[in-house]
Structures are given as structure tokens and as C-alpha cells.
Protein backbone atom coordinates (compact mmCIF):
# COMPACT_ATOMS: atom_id res chain seq x y z
CA MET A 1 55.74 96.39 105.21
CA ALA A 2 57.55 96.40 108.38
CA ALA A 3 61.55 96.13 108.45
CA LYS A 4 61.14 92.67 110.32
CA GLN A 5 58.92 91.35 107.66
CA ARG A 6 61.16 92.50 104.92
CA TRP A 7 64.15 90.81 106.74
CA ASP A 8 62.44 87.69 107.28
CA GLY A 9 61.22 87.41 103.73
CA ASN A 10 64.86 88.13 102.32
CA PHE A 11 66.08 85.44 104.66
CA GLU A 12 63.67 83.07 103.26
CA LYS A 13 64.73 83.83 99.76
CA VAL A 14 68.28 83.42 100.50
CA GLN A 15 67.68 80.00 102.27
CA ARG A 16 65.85 79.02 99.15
CA PHE A 17 68.51 80.24 96.86
CA CYS A 18 71.04 78.27 98.64
CA ASP A 19 69.02 75.43 98.55
CA ASP A 20 68.42 75.39 94.95
CA ASN A 21 71.73 76.53 93.76
CA GLY A 22 74.16 75.10 96.61
CA ARG A 23 75.75 78.33 97.14
CA TRP A 24 75.00 81.78 98.68
CA PRO A 25 74.05 84.65 96.37
CA LYS A 26 76.86 86.71 95.29
CA GLN A 27 76.53 90.54 94.62
CA SER A 28 76.52 89.74 90.88
CA ASP A 29 73.16 87.89 91.51
CA GLY A 30 71.29 91.23 91.92
CA ALA A 31 69.02 92.46 95.00
CA LEU A 32 69.71 89.04 96.99
CA GLY A 33 73.15 89.03 96.76
CA THR A 34 73.28 92.71 97.82
CA TRP A 35 71.21 91.88 100.64
CA CYS A 36 73.63 89.12 101.77
CA ASP A 37 76.69 91.80 101.44
CA ARG A 38 74.60 94.09 103.59
CA GLN A 39 74.10 91.48 106.34
CA ARG A 40 77.81 90.67 106.33
CA VAL A 41 78.46 94.63 106.80
CA ALA A 42 75.77 95.06 109.43
CA LYS A 43 77.48 92.11 111.40
CA LYS A 44 80.74 94.07 111.45
CA VAL A 45 79.35 97.28 112.87
CA GLN A 46 76.75 95.33 114.88
CA GLY A 47 76.78 97.98 117.62
CA HIS A 48 74.81 100.28 115.44
CA GLY A 49 71.35 98.57 115.35
CA ARG A 50 71.81 97.18 111.80
CA ILE A 51 71.36 93.53 112.50
CA SER A 52 70.13 91.92 115.96
CA PRO A 53 71.82 89.18 117.64
CA ALA A 54 68.68 87.11 116.71
CA GLN A 55 69.03 87.60 113.09
CA ILE A 56 72.81 86.76 113.26
CA ALA A 57 71.84 83.67 115.30
CA LYS A 58 69.20 82.97 112.29
CA LEU A 59 71.57 83.18 109.52
CA ASP A 60 74.41 81.21 111.72
CA GLY A 61 71.45 78.44 112.10
CA ILE A 62 71.42 78.01 108.14
CA GLY A 63 75.30 77.92 107.78
CA PHE A 64 75.36 81.50 106.34
CA ASP A 65 78.73 82.35 104.79
CA TRP A 66 79.82 85.48 106.68
CA GLY A 67 83.12 85.83 104.82
CA ARG A 68 83.37 87.46 101.24
CA THR A 69 84.24 85.26 98.08
CA MET A 70 87.97 85.09 97.91
CA PRO A 71 90.01 83.42 95.04
CA SER A 72 90.91 80.12 96.02
CA GLN A 73 94.59 79.29 97.24
CA GLU A 74 95.31 77.41 93.86
CA THR A 75 94.90 81.00 91.94
CA VAL A 76 97.00 82.86 94.10
CA GLU A 77 100.64 83.25 92.94
CA PRO A 78 103.14 82.77 95.90
CA ALA A 79 105.63 85.58 96.21
CA GLY A 80 108.97 86.06 97.83
CA PRO A 81 111.59 83.53 98.91
CA ALA A 82 109.15 80.94 99.79
CA ALA A 83 107.94 80.95 96.02
CA GLU A 84 111.25 79.73 95.06
CA PRO A 85 111.78 76.10 94.24
CA GLN A 86 113.79 74.31 96.88
CA GLN A 87 116.77 72.20 95.66
């Protein structure tokens, strides 16, 4: 199978996963999560032919999350002077 066909197949699987689960696959979700992570990395090094502008546009078109999963602000403990209660 050609690389473009594999990419298109994975794209369709990711889109279905998101439709079914209401979120993008995480790396802990197996091969599909790994594929998503690779797309994020490939976009960062776009000049090396890893992901085409057309593929980026296709992922953008379905609202793909290009960021990594980060803890929410509520779970992060503030530090420093701003963390002290004001009187």
C-alpha cells in the first residue's frame, strides 16, 4: 500500500474515533494515538517532507488538535508570590 493510501486510511480512522469518542486519540490508545502524535511532530518539522500542506489542511478541516494533552489549569498548583493569598 502506498504511503498516501496509508495516511488517508489513518486519517479516516482518526476522524471516526473522534466522532465515536468525542476526543482525539491519545498515545495510550495504541497505534492510532501514536499516528496522531507523529502528525504533530511532522508538522513541527514540516520542511522535511514528513507531512504535506494538503495533509495539514485536511487535519485542520476536521478540527484536529495539534497540541499535546496538558493538565488543566485547575490541577496545576500556582507557585511564587502570586500564589500567596491577598489580604
